[in-house]
N, C-alpha and C. Protein backbone atom coordinates (compact mmCIF):
# COMPACT_ATOMS: atom_id res chain seq x y z
N MET A 1 95.48 88.39 116.59
CA MET A 1 95.62 88.82 117.97
C MET A 1 97.03 88.51 118.46
N ALA A 2 97.43 89.12 119.58
CA ALA A 2 98.81 89.06 120.02
C ALA A 2 99.25 87.64 120.37
N ASN A 3 98.33 86.79 120.86
CA ASN A 3 98.71 85.44 121.26
C ASN A 3 98.42 84.42 120.16
N CYS A 4 98.39 84.89 118.91
CA CYS A 4 98.29 84.04 117.73
C CYS A 4 96.93 83.33 117.60
N GLN A 5 95.89 83.84 118.22
CA GLN A 5 94.55 83.33 117.99
C GLN A 5 93.92 84.16 116.87
N VAL A 6 93.35 83.49 115.90
CA VAL A 6 92.82 84.15 114.72
C VAL A 6 91.32 83.94 114.65
N GLY A 7 90.57 85.02 114.55
CA GLY A 7 89.12 84.93 114.44
C GLY A 7 88.62 85.67 113.23
N VAL A 8 87.44 85.29 112.76
CA VAL A 8 86.76 86.00 111.69
C VAL A 8 85.43 86.50 112.22
N SER A 9 84.96 87.60 111.66
CA SER A 9 83.74 88.23 112.18
C SER A 9 82.81 88.61 111.06
N ILE A 10 81.52 88.70 111.38
CA ILE A 10 80.49 89.21 110.48
C ILE A 10 79.96 90.49 111.10
N HIS A 11 79.87 91.55 110.30
CA HIS A 11 79.43 92.84 110.80
C HIS A 11 78.19 93.32 110.04
N ALA A 12 77.31 94.00 110.76
CA ALA A 12 76.26 94.79 110.11
C ALA A 12 76.87 96.16 109.85
N ALA A 13 76.70 96.70 108.64
CA ALA A 13 77.38 97.95 108.29
C ALA A 13 76.48 98.84 107.45
N THR A 14 76.50 100.13 107.77
CA THR A 14 75.90 101.16 106.93
C THR A 14 76.93 102.26 106.77
N ASP A 15 76.58 103.30 106.04
CA ASP A 15 77.51 104.42 105.89
C ASP A 15 77.73 105.16 107.21
N GLN A 16 76.78 105.06 108.13
CA GLN A 16 76.87 105.80 109.38
C GLN A 16 77.48 105.01 110.53
N ALA A 17 77.32 103.70 110.54
CA ALA A 17 77.79 102.91 111.67
C ALA A 17 77.88 101.44 111.29
N SER A 18 78.57 100.68 112.13
CA SER A 18 78.67 99.24 111.95
C SER A 18 78.95 98.59 113.29
N CYS A 19 78.73 97.26 113.34
CA CYS A 19 78.91 96.57 114.61
C CYS A 19 79.10 95.07 114.33
N PRO A 20 80.01 94.41 115.04
CA PRO A 20 80.17 92.96 114.86
C PRO A 20 78.96 92.20 115.39
N LEU A 21 78.50 91.20 114.63
CA LEU A 21 77.34 90.41 115.01
C LEU A 21 77.70 88.99 115.43
N ASP A 22 78.77 88.45 114.87
CA ASP A 22 79.11 87.06 115.15
C ASP A 22 80.60 86.85 114.93
N TRP A 23 81.15 85.87 115.65
CA TRP A 23 82.58 85.57 115.56
C TRP A 23 82.78 84.07 115.42
N ARG A 24 83.86 83.69 114.75
CA ARG A 24 84.29 82.31 114.68
C ARG A 24 85.79 82.26 114.89
N LEU A 25 86.21 81.32 115.71
CA LEU A 25 87.64 81.12 115.95
C LEU A 25 88.19 80.18 114.89
N PHE A 26 89.25 80.59 114.22
CA PHE A 26 89.88 79.75 113.20
C PHE A 26 90.73 78.68 113.86
N LEU A 27 90.52 77.43 113.44
CA LEU A 27 91.32 76.31 113.93
C LEU A 27 91.92 75.56 112.75
N PRO A 28 93.22 75.31 112.76
CA PRO A 28 93.83 74.54 111.67
C PRO A 28 93.20 73.15 111.58
N GLU A 29 93.22 72.59 110.39
CA GLU A 29 92.63 71.27 110.17
C GLU A 29 93.31 70.19 111.02
N SER A 30 94.57 70.42 111.40
CA SER A 30 95.29 69.43 112.21
C SER A 30 94.64 69.23 113.57
N TRP A 31 93.83 70.17 114.03
CA TRP A 31 93.16 70.04 115.32
C TRP A 31 92.05 68.99 115.29
N ASP A 32 91.55 68.64 114.11
CA ASP A 32 90.42 67.70 114.02
C ASP A 32 90.74 66.37 114.70
N GLN A 33 91.96 65.89 114.56
CA GLN A 33 92.33 64.58 115.09
C GLN A 33 93.24 64.66 116.31
N ASP A 34 93.45 65.84 116.85
CA ASP A 34 94.34 66.01 117.99
C ASP A 34 93.51 66.06 119.28
N ALA A 35 93.19 64.88 119.83
CA ALA A 35 92.29 64.80 120.98
C ALA A 35 92.84 65.53 122.20
N GLU A 36 94.14 65.43 122.43
CA GLU A 36 94.72 66.06 123.61
C GLU A 36 94.62 67.58 123.54
N ARG A 37 94.93 68.12 122.38
CA ARG A 37 94.86 69.58 122.21
C ARG A 37 93.42 70.07 122.31
N ARG A 38 92.49 69.33 121.72
CA ARG A 38 91.07 69.71 121.79
C ARG A 38 90.57 69.67 123.23
N ARG A 39 90.98 68.67 123.97
CA ARG A 39 90.56 68.56 125.36
C ARG A 39 91.12 69.71 126.19
N ALA A 40 92.37 70.06 125.97
CA ALA A 40 92.98 71.16 126.73
C ALA A 40 92.30 72.50 126.46
N ALA A 41 91.80 72.67 125.23
CA ALA A 41 91.14 73.93 124.86
C ALA A 41 89.64 73.88 125.08
N HIS A 42 89.12 72.77 125.66
CA HIS A 42 87.68 72.59 125.89
C HIS A 42 86.88 72.78 124.59
N LEU A 43 87.38 72.17 123.54
CA LEU A 43 86.78 72.32 122.23
C LEU A 43 85.62 71.34 122.08
N PRO A 44 84.40 71.80 121.78
CA PRO A 44 83.26 70.89 121.62
C PRO A 44 83.49 69.89 120.48
N GLU A 45 82.93 68.69 120.64
CA GLU A 45 83.13 67.65 119.64
C GLU A 45 82.59 68.06 118.28
N ALA A 46 81.54 68.87 118.27
CA ALA A 46 80.89 69.24 117.00
C ALA A 46 81.73 70.21 116.18
N VAL A 47 82.74 70.84 116.79
CA VAL A 47 83.54 71.84 116.09
C VAL A 47 84.66 71.14 115.33
N ALA A 48 84.61 71.27 113.99
CA ALA A 48 85.63 70.67 113.14
C ALA A 48 85.58 71.34 111.78
N GLN A 49 86.55 71.02 110.93
CA GLN A 49 86.55 71.52 109.56
C GLN A 49 85.32 71.00 108.84
N GLN A 50 84.57 71.91 108.22
CA GLN A 50 83.33 71.52 107.57
C GLN A 50 83.55 71.17 106.10
N VAL A 51 84.41 70.21 105.86
CA VAL A 51 84.70 69.75 104.50
C VAL A 51 84.61 68.23 104.49
N ALA A 52 83.83 67.68 103.58
CA ALA A 52 83.64 66.24 103.52
C ALA A 52 84.94 65.55 103.12
N PRO A 53 85.22 64.36 103.64
CA PRO A 53 86.44 63.65 103.26
C PRO A 53 86.37 63.20 101.81
N PRO A 54 87.50 63.14 101.14
CA PRO A 54 87.49 62.74 99.75
C PRO A 54 87.13 61.27 99.60
N PRO A 55 86.43 60.89 98.53
CA PRO A 55 86.10 59.49 98.30
C PRO A 55 87.31 58.71 97.80
N GLY A 56 87.18 57.38 97.76
CA GLY A 56 88.22 56.57 97.13
C GLY A 56 89.44 56.37 97.99
N GLY A 57 89.25 56.18 99.31
CA GLY A 57 90.37 55.86 100.17
C GLY A 57 91.31 57.01 100.43
N GLY A 58 90.79 58.25 100.41
CA GLY A 58 91.60 59.41 100.78
C GLY A 58 92.41 60.00 99.65
N VAL A 59 92.17 59.58 98.41
CA VAL A 59 92.89 60.15 97.28
C VAL A 59 92.01 61.20 96.62
N ASP A 60 92.53 62.41 96.50
CA ASP A 60 91.75 63.47 95.87
C ASP A 60 91.50 63.15 94.39
N PRO A 61 90.24 63.13 93.95
CA PRO A 61 89.98 62.96 92.53
C PRO A 61 90.32 64.23 91.76
N ALA A 62 90.49 64.10 90.45
CA ALA A 62 90.74 65.28 89.63
C ALA A 62 89.53 66.20 89.71
N PRO A 63 89.72 67.52 89.78
CA PRO A 63 88.60 68.44 89.91
C PRO A 63 87.57 68.31 88.80
N GLY A 64 87.97 67.97 87.60
CA GLY A 64 87.01 67.77 86.52
C GLY A 64 86.45 69.05 85.94
N TYR A 65 87.20 70.14 85.98
CA TYR A 65 86.73 71.38 85.37
C TYR A 65 86.77 71.27 83.85
N ARG A 66 85.78 71.91 83.21
CA ARG A 66 85.74 71.88 81.75
C ARG A 66 86.83 72.74 81.13
N ALA A 67 87.28 73.73 81.87
CA ALA A 67 88.35 74.61 81.39
C ALA A 67 89.34 74.85 82.53
N ARG A 68 90.53 75.27 82.16
CA ARG A 68 91.53 75.55 83.18
C ARG A 68 91.06 76.64 84.12
N ARG A 69 91.27 76.43 85.41
CA ARG A 69 90.90 77.46 86.37
C ARG A 69 91.77 78.69 86.20
N SER A 70 91.17 79.85 86.40
CA SER A 70 91.88 81.12 86.25
C SER A 70 91.91 81.86 87.58
N SER A 71 92.97 82.61 87.80
CA SER A 71 93.03 83.44 88.99
C SER A 71 92.12 84.65 88.81
N LEU A 72 91.83 85.33 89.92
CA LEU A 72 91.01 86.54 89.83
C LEU A 72 91.67 87.56 88.91
N GLN A 73 92.98 87.71 89.05
CA GLN A 73 93.70 88.67 88.21
C GLN A 73 93.57 88.31 86.74
N GLU A 74 93.72 87.04 86.41
CA GLU A 74 93.64 86.63 85.01
C GLU A 74 92.26 86.92 84.43
N LEU A 75 91.22 86.69 85.20
CA LEU A 75 89.87 86.93 84.71
C LEU A 75 89.64 88.40 84.40
N VAL A 76 90.08 89.28 85.30
CA VAL A 76 89.85 90.71 85.10
C VAL A 76 90.73 91.26 83.99
N VAL A 77 91.99 90.85 83.97
CA VAL A 77 92.89 91.32 82.91
C VAL A 77 92.40 90.87 81.55
N ALA A 78 91.82 89.67 81.47
CA ALA A 78 91.29 89.19 80.20
C ALA A 78 90.12 90.06 79.72
N ALA A 79 89.34 90.59 80.67
CA ALA A 79 88.24 91.48 80.30
C ALA A 79 88.77 92.79 79.74
N GLY A 80 89.96 93.20 80.18
CA GLY A 80 90.59 94.39 79.63
C GLY A 80 90.25 95.66 80.40
N SER A 81 91.17 96.61 80.38
CA SER A 81 90.95 97.87 81.08
C SER A 81 89.77 98.65 80.50
N SER A 82 89.42 98.36 79.24
CA SER A 82 88.28 99.06 78.64
C SER A 82 86.97 98.70 79.32
N ALA A 83 86.95 97.57 80.06
CA ALA A 83 85.75 97.17 80.79
C ALA A 83 85.59 97.93 82.10
N ALA A 84 86.62 98.66 82.52
CA ALA A 84 86.57 99.39 83.79
C ALA A 84 85.74 100.65 83.65
N LYS A 85 84.91 100.90 84.64
CA LYS A 85 84.07 102.10 84.66
C LYS A 85 84.35 102.90 85.93
N THR A 86 84.34 104.21 85.79
CA THR A 86 84.61 105.09 86.93
C THR A 86 83.37 105.21 87.82
N VAL A 87 83.57 105.00 89.11
CA VAL A 87 82.48 105.06 90.08
C VAL A 87 82.93 105.88 91.28
N ALA A 88 82.07 106.78 91.76
CA ALA A 88 82.30 107.51 93.01
C ALA A 88 81.41 106.89 94.07
N TRP A 89 81.97 106.65 95.28
CA TRP A 89 81.18 105.92 96.28
C TRP A 89 80.85 106.72 97.53
N ARG A 90 81.64 107.70 97.91
CA ARG A 90 81.26 108.53 99.05
C ARG A 90 82.16 109.76 99.10
N GLU A 91 81.75 110.71 99.97
CA GLU A 91 82.54 111.91 100.18
C GLU A 91 83.69 111.61 101.12
N GLY A 92 84.88 112.02 100.74
CA GLY A 92 86.03 111.91 101.62
C GLY A 92 86.42 113.27 102.14
N SER A 93 87.51 113.34 102.86
CA SER A 93 87.95 114.62 103.42
C SER A 93 88.40 115.59 102.34
N ARG A 94 88.71 115.06 101.14
CA ARG A 94 89.15 115.92 100.03
C ARG A 94 88.21 115.81 98.84
N GLY A 95 86.96 115.56 99.10
CA GLY A 95 85.98 115.47 98.01
C GLY A 95 85.56 114.04 97.74
N LYS A 96 84.91 113.82 96.61
CA LYS A 96 84.40 112.50 96.25
C LYS A 96 85.52 111.49 96.09
N LEU A 97 85.31 110.32 96.67
CA LEU A 97 86.23 109.20 96.46
C LEU A 97 85.77 108.45 95.21
N ARG A 98 86.66 108.27 94.27
CA ARG A 98 86.30 107.61 93.02
C ARG A 98 87.47 106.79 92.50
N SER A 99 87.13 105.78 91.71
CA SER A 99 88.14 104.95 91.07
C SER A 99 87.45 104.20 89.93
N ARG A 100 88.21 103.34 89.26
CA ARG A 100 87.63 102.53 88.17
C ARG A 100 87.46 101.10 88.64
N PHE A 101 86.36 100.47 88.17
CA PHE A 101 86.03 99.11 88.62
C PHE A 101 85.56 98.26 87.45
N VAL A 102 85.87 96.97 87.55
CA VAL A 102 85.38 95.96 86.62
C VAL A 102 84.53 94.97 87.41
N ALA A 103 83.33 94.64 86.90
CA ALA A 103 82.45 93.67 87.55
C ALA A 103 82.16 92.53 86.58
N LEU A 104 82.41 91.29 86.99
CA LEU A 104 82.19 90.12 86.16
C LEU A 104 81.37 89.09 86.93
N ARG A 105 80.64 88.25 86.20
CA ARG A 105 79.95 87.11 86.80
C ARG A 105 80.84 85.88 86.60
N VAL A 106 81.19 85.21 87.70
CA VAL A 106 82.14 84.10 87.62
C VAL A 106 81.66 82.93 88.46
N HIS A 107 82.21 81.73 88.15
CA HIS A 107 82.01 80.54 88.96
C HIS A 107 83.24 80.37 89.85
N PRO A 108 83.14 80.53 91.18
CA PRO A 108 84.30 80.26 92.03
C PRO A 108 84.75 78.81 91.87
N ALA A 109 86.06 78.59 91.94
CA ALA A 109 86.61 77.25 91.77
C ALA A 109 87.30 76.81 93.05
N GLY A 110 87.48 75.52 93.18
CA GLY A 110 88.18 74.97 94.35
C GLY A 110 87.54 73.67 94.77
N ILE A 111 88.30 72.59 94.80
CA ILE A 111 87.74 71.28 95.06
C ILE A 111 87.17 71.19 96.47
N LYS A 112 87.81 71.81 97.46
CA LYS A 112 87.30 71.77 98.82
C LYS A 112 85.99 72.54 98.93
N LEU A 113 85.93 73.67 98.26
CA LEU A 113 84.68 74.45 98.28
C LEU A 113 83.55 73.67 97.64
N ARG A 114 83.83 72.99 96.54
CA ARG A 114 82.78 72.23 95.85
C ARG A 114 82.26 71.09 96.70
N ARG A 115 83.14 70.47 97.49
CA ARG A 115 82.69 69.37 98.35
C ARG A 115 81.81 69.87 99.49
N ALA A 116 81.96 71.15 99.84
CA ALA A 116 81.25 71.70 101.00
C ALA A 116 79.83 72.14 100.67
N VAL A 117 79.44 72.15 99.39
CA VAL A 117 78.10 72.60 99.01
C VAL A 117 77.31 71.43 98.44
N ALA A 118 75.99 71.51 98.62
CA ALA A 118 75.11 70.45 98.11
C ALA A 118 75.21 70.38 96.59
N GLY A 119 75.38 69.16 96.07
CA GLY A 119 75.47 68.97 94.63
C GLY A 119 76.85 69.22 94.05
N GLY A 120 77.74 69.81 94.83
CA GLY A 120 79.11 70.04 94.36
C GLY A 120 79.26 71.13 93.32
N GLU A 121 78.22 71.96 93.14
CA GLU A 121 78.29 73.01 92.12
C GLU A 121 78.23 74.37 92.81
N LEU A 122 79.25 75.18 92.62
CA LEU A 122 79.29 76.49 93.23
C LEU A 122 78.48 77.48 92.40
N PRO A 123 77.64 78.30 93.04
CA PRO A 123 76.82 79.25 92.29
C PRO A 123 77.65 80.38 91.68
N VAL A 124 77.10 81.02 90.68
CA VAL A 124 77.76 82.16 90.05
C VAL A 124 77.78 83.32 91.05
N ARG A 125 78.91 84.01 91.10
CA ARG A 125 79.08 85.15 92.00
C ARG A 125 79.58 86.37 91.23
N TRP A 126 79.48 87.51 91.90
CA TRP A 126 80.08 88.72 91.36
C TRP A 126 81.57 88.75 91.71
N LEU A 127 82.39 89.05 90.74
CA LEU A 127 83.79 89.38 90.95
C LEU A 127 83.94 90.86 90.66
N LEU A 128 84.29 91.62 91.68
CA LEU A 128 84.49 93.06 91.54
C LEU A 128 85.98 93.35 91.73
N ALA A 129 86.54 94.14 90.83
CA ALA A 129 87.96 94.49 90.91
C ALA A 129 88.13 95.99 90.74
N GLU A 130 88.98 96.56 91.57
CA GLU A 130 89.32 97.97 91.43
C GLU A 130 90.57 98.09 90.56
N TRP A 131 90.46 98.87 89.49
CA TRP A 131 91.56 99.01 88.53
C TRP A 131 91.77 100.50 88.24
N PRO A 132 92.57 101.18 89.08
CA PRO A 132 92.82 102.61 88.85
C PRO A 132 93.45 102.87 87.49
N ALA A 133 93.16 104.05 86.95
CA ALA A 133 93.64 104.39 85.61
C ALA A 133 95.16 104.41 85.53
N ASP A 134 95.84 104.70 86.65
CA ASP A 134 97.29 104.81 86.63
C ASP A 134 98.00 103.52 87.00
N GLN A 135 97.24 102.39 87.05
CA GLN A 135 97.83 101.11 87.41
C GLN A 135 97.77 100.14 86.23
N PRO A 136 98.80 99.32 86.02
CA PRO A 136 98.80 98.40 84.89
C PRO A 136 97.87 97.20 85.08
N GLU A 137 97.44 96.96 86.32
CA GLU A 137 96.56 95.82 86.59
C GLU A 137 95.70 96.14 87.81
N PRO A 138 94.65 95.34 88.08
CA PRO A 138 93.79 95.60 89.24
C PRO A 138 94.58 95.55 90.55
N VAL A 139 94.06 96.30 91.55
CA VAL A 139 94.77 96.39 92.83
C VAL A 139 93.97 95.76 93.98
N LYS A 140 92.65 95.59 93.82
CA LYS A 140 91.83 94.99 94.87
C LYS A 140 90.73 94.14 94.24
N TYR A 141 90.30 93.10 94.97
CA TYR A 141 89.29 92.19 94.47
C TYR A 141 88.26 91.88 95.55
N TRP A 142 87.01 91.66 95.14
CA TRP A 142 85.95 91.22 96.05
C TRP A 142 85.10 90.16 95.35
N LEU A 143 84.61 89.19 96.09
CA LEU A 143 83.59 88.25 95.61
C LEU A 143 82.30 88.54 96.37
N ALA A 144 81.17 88.57 95.68
CA ALA A 144 79.90 88.91 96.32
C ALA A 144 78.79 87.99 95.83
N SER A 145 77.87 87.68 96.74
CA SER A 145 76.72 86.82 96.42
C SER A 145 75.47 87.63 96.13
N LEU A 146 75.62 88.90 95.80
CA LEU A 146 74.47 89.77 95.52
C LEU A 146 73.78 89.35 94.23
N PRO A 147 72.50 89.72 94.05
CA PRO A 147 71.76 89.34 92.84
C PRO A 147 72.45 89.78 91.57
N ASP A 148 72.18 89.06 90.48
CA ASP A 148 72.88 89.34 89.23
C ASP A 148 72.49 90.67 88.59
N ASP A 149 71.40 91.31 89.08
CA ASP A 149 71.01 92.61 88.54
C ASP A 149 71.47 93.77 89.42
N THR A 150 72.38 93.51 90.35
CA THR A 150 72.88 94.57 91.23
C THR A 150 73.69 95.58 90.42
N PRO A 151 73.37 96.87 90.48
CA PRO A 151 74.13 97.87 89.72
C PRO A 151 75.57 97.97 90.19
N LEU A 152 76.45 98.36 89.30
CA LEU A 152 77.86 98.48 89.62
C LEU A 152 78.09 99.45 90.78
N VAL A 153 77.38 100.56 90.78
CA VAL A 153 77.58 101.55 91.83
C VAL A 153 77.24 100.98 93.20
N GLU A 154 76.25 100.08 93.27
CA GLU A 154 75.88 99.45 94.54
C GLU A 154 76.93 98.43 94.95
N LEU A 155 77.46 97.67 94.00
CA LEU A 155 78.54 96.74 94.31
C LEU A 155 79.74 97.47 94.92
N VAL A 156 80.09 98.59 94.31
CA VAL A 156 81.22 99.37 94.79
C VAL A 156 80.94 99.95 96.17
N ARG A 157 79.74 100.50 96.36
CA ARG A 157 79.40 101.10 97.65
C ARG A 157 79.52 100.08 98.78
N LEU A 158 78.98 98.90 98.55
CA LEU A 158 79.02 97.87 99.58
C LEU A 158 80.44 97.35 99.80
N ALA A 159 81.20 97.19 98.72
CA ALA A 159 82.58 96.73 98.88
C ALA A 159 83.40 97.73 99.69
N LYS A 160 83.18 99.00 99.45
CA LYS A 160 83.96 100.03 100.12
C LYS A 160 83.50 100.29 101.54
N LEU A 161 82.40 99.65 101.99
CA LEU A 161 82.02 99.76 103.40
C LEU A 161 83.04 99.08 104.31
N ARG A 162 84.01 98.43 103.72
CA ARG A 162 85.07 97.82 104.53
C ARG A 162 85.73 98.83 105.45
N TRP A 163 85.75 100.11 105.04
CA TRP A 163 86.39 101.11 105.89
C TRP A 163 85.68 101.21 107.24
N ARG A 164 84.36 100.93 107.25
CA ARG A 164 83.63 100.94 108.51
C ARG A 164 84.11 99.79 109.40
N ILE A 165 84.33 98.63 108.79
CA ILE A 165 84.78 97.47 109.56
C ILE A 165 86.18 97.72 110.13
N GLU A 166 87.04 98.35 109.34
CA GLU A 166 88.37 98.68 109.83
C GLU A 166 88.27 99.65 111.01
N HIS A 167 87.32 100.58 110.94
CA HIS A 167 87.09 101.50 112.06
C HIS A 167 86.63 100.71 113.29
N ASP A 168 85.75 99.71 113.08
CA ASP A 168 85.31 98.86 114.19
C ASP A 168 86.50 98.23 114.89
N TYR A 169 87.40 97.65 114.11
CA TYR A 169 88.52 96.93 114.70
C TYR A 169 89.45 97.86 115.48
N ARG A 170 89.64 99.07 114.98
CA ARG A 170 90.45 100.03 115.75
C ARG A 170 89.80 100.32 117.10
N GLU A 171 88.48 100.53 117.07
CA GLU A 171 87.79 100.82 118.33
C GLU A 171 87.74 99.60 119.23
N LEU A 172 87.50 98.43 118.66
CA LEU A 172 87.45 97.20 119.45
C LEU A 172 88.78 96.92 120.14
N LYS A 173 89.87 97.18 119.44
CA LYS A 173 91.20 96.90 120.01
C LYS A 173 91.67 98.01 120.94
N ASP A 174 91.57 99.26 120.47
CA ASP A 174 92.16 100.36 121.22
C ASP A 174 91.32 100.76 122.44
N GLY A 175 89.98 100.65 122.33
CA GLY A 175 89.14 101.14 123.41
C GLY A 175 88.41 100.09 124.21
N LEU A 176 88.22 98.89 123.63
CA LEU A 176 87.34 97.91 124.26
C LEU A 176 88.02 96.59 124.61
N GLY A 177 89.31 96.46 124.34
CA GLY A 177 90.05 95.30 124.81
C GLY A 177 89.91 94.03 124.00
N LEU A 178 89.64 94.15 122.71
CA LEU A 178 89.50 92.96 121.87
C LEU A 178 90.71 92.04 121.97
N ASP A 179 91.90 92.62 121.94
CA ASP A 179 93.12 91.81 121.92
C ASP A 179 93.73 91.62 123.31
N HIS A 180 92.93 91.80 124.35
CA HIS A 180 93.44 91.60 125.71
C HIS A 180 93.25 90.16 126.20
N PHE A 181 92.50 89.36 125.48
CA PHE A 181 92.25 87.99 125.92
C PHE A 181 93.53 87.16 125.82
N GLU A 182 93.89 86.50 126.90
CA GLU A 182 95.10 85.68 126.93
C GLU A 182 94.81 84.23 127.31
N GLY A 183 93.54 83.86 127.34
CA GLY A 183 93.19 82.49 127.66
C GLY A 183 93.42 81.55 126.50
N ARG A 184 93.16 80.25 126.74
CA ARG A 184 93.40 79.24 125.72
C ARG A 184 92.20 78.31 125.55
N SER A 185 91.02 78.75 126.00
CA SER A 185 89.85 77.88 125.88
C SER A 185 88.89 78.41 124.81
N PHE A 186 88.24 77.46 124.16
CA PHE A 186 87.28 77.80 123.11
C PHE A 186 86.13 78.65 123.68
N GLY A 187 85.56 78.20 124.81
CA GLY A 187 84.47 78.94 125.42
C GLY A 187 84.89 80.29 125.93
N GLY A 188 86.09 80.37 126.50
CA GLY A 188 86.57 81.65 127.02
C GLY A 188 86.76 82.68 125.92
N TRP A 189 87.28 82.23 124.77
CA TRP A 189 87.48 83.14 123.64
C TRP A 189 86.14 83.71 123.17
N HIS A 190 85.13 82.85 123.01
CA HIS A 190 83.84 83.32 122.54
C HIS A 190 83.14 84.20 123.59
N HIS A 191 83.34 83.89 124.85
CA HIS A 191 82.79 84.72 125.91
C HIS A 191 83.38 86.12 125.85
N HIS A 192 84.69 86.20 125.67
CA HIS A 192 85.36 87.51 125.58
C HIS A 192 84.86 88.28 124.37
N MET A 193 84.76 87.61 123.21
CA MET A 193 84.30 88.29 122.00
C MET A 193 82.87 88.79 122.14
N THR A 194 82.03 88.01 122.81
CA THR A 194 80.64 88.42 123.01
C THR A 194 80.58 89.69 123.85
N LEU A 195 81.32 89.74 124.96
CA LEU A 195 81.30 90.91 125.83
C LEU A 195 81.84 92.15 125.10
N VAL A 196 82.91 91.97 124.35
CA VAL A 196 83.48 93.09 123.61
C VAL A 196 82.48 93.59 122.56
N SER A 197 81.78 92.68 121.90
CA SER A 197 80.81 93.06 120.88
C SER A 197 79.63 93.81 121.49
N VAL A 198 79.17 93.35 122.64
CA VAL A 198 78.07 94.04 123.33
C VAL A 198 78.51 95.45 123.73
N ALA A 199 79.72 95.58 124.23
CA ALA A 199 80.24 96.90 124.59
C ALA A 199 80.31 97.81 123.36
N HIS A 200 80.75 97.24 122.24
CA HIS A 200 80.84 98.02 121.01
C HIS A 200 79.45 98.46 120.54
N ALA A 201 78.47 97.56 120.63
CA ALA A 201 77.11 97.91 120.23
C ALA A 201 76.57 99.05 121.10
N PHE A 202 76.83 98.97 122.41
CA PHE A 202 76.38 100.03 123.32
C PHE A 202 77.01 101.37 122.96
N VAL A 203 78.32 101.37 122.74
CA VAL A 203 79.02 102.60 122.38
C VAL A 203 78.48 103.16 121.06
N THR A 204 78.22 102.28 120.10
CA THR A 204 77.71 102.71 118.80
C THR A 204 76.33 103.35 118.93
N LEU A 205 75.45 102.72 119.70
CA LEU A 205 74.10 103.27 119.90
C LEU A 205 74.16 104.61 120.62
N GLN A 206 75.03 104.72 121.59
CA GLN A 206 75.18 106.00 122.29
C GLN A 206 75.66 107.09 121.34
N ARG A 207 76.56 106.74 120.45
CA ARG A 207 77.10 107.71 119.51
C ARG A 207 76.03 108.17 118.50
N LEU A 208 75.14 107.26 118.13
CA LEU A 208 74.11 107.59 117.14
C LEU A 208 72.89 108.27 117.75
N ASP A 209 72.68 108.08 119.04
CA ASP A 209 71.48 108.60 119.69
C ASP A 209 71.62 110.11 119.90
N PRO A 210 70.70 110.93 119.34
CA PRO A 210 70.79 112.37 119.59
C PRO A 210 70.59 112.69 121.06
N LYS A 211 71.45 113.55 121.58
CA LYS A 211 71.36 113.88 123.00
C LYS A 211 70.12 114.74 123.27
N PRO A 212 69.35 114.40 124.31
CA PRO A 212 68.18 115.21 124.62
C PRO A 212 68.60 116.61 125.08
N ALA A 213 67.76 117.56 124.81
CA ALA A 213 68.06 118.94 125.20
C ALA A 213 68.11 119.04 126.72
N ALA A 214 69.04 119.82 127.21
CA ALA A 214 69.17 120.01 128.65
C ALA A 214 67.95 120.75 129.19
N PRO A 215 67.47 120.40 130.39
CA PRO A 215 66.31 121.08 130.94
C PRO A 215 66.59 122.55 131.19
N ALA A 216 65.57 123.34 131.04
CA ALA A 216 65.72 124.80 131.22
C ALA A 216 65.99 125.11 132.69
């Protein structure tokens, strides 16, 4: 947003429509111990970084991975371009949209993430990568918590629903005032986001609702 406030959102999305359901305001970890700043922003005491402190007097222990951690790119490139399959996901203005994709089952890594989950073990997730035939390496990546028997075409369809979310943000900003908030309070930001989301839901329902026939 224009005044450097950063939020993340969760949206319900289908091929026909989408709408934001929930918002969270991003706060740097430095805010956890800054009482004056928290008080000025009316930040509730319960709001803080949800990561447990490291044991042993504040010294990070070694992650203890059995193998060296790999980047998303390294994992997909190691699978090879031969693992990529062509998938079409929807009709575009110039015909079917299609590209090549690689889907792998992976264990996400990261010491902070491991501390944030019960037992310290991150579950296996889908890693989906788009690797066009004319590119030397993948160009886009997604992580998904979908079941391990999810077909590739469904993974791609859901990943590509991002275009609906991008459409939401254009409408939220250009027509509904998402980025007009200039306040500095935690409650005020969430109040503004709630009102904008309700307005967006109303507009979306109106757009989807078939208009009744005019009376004779």
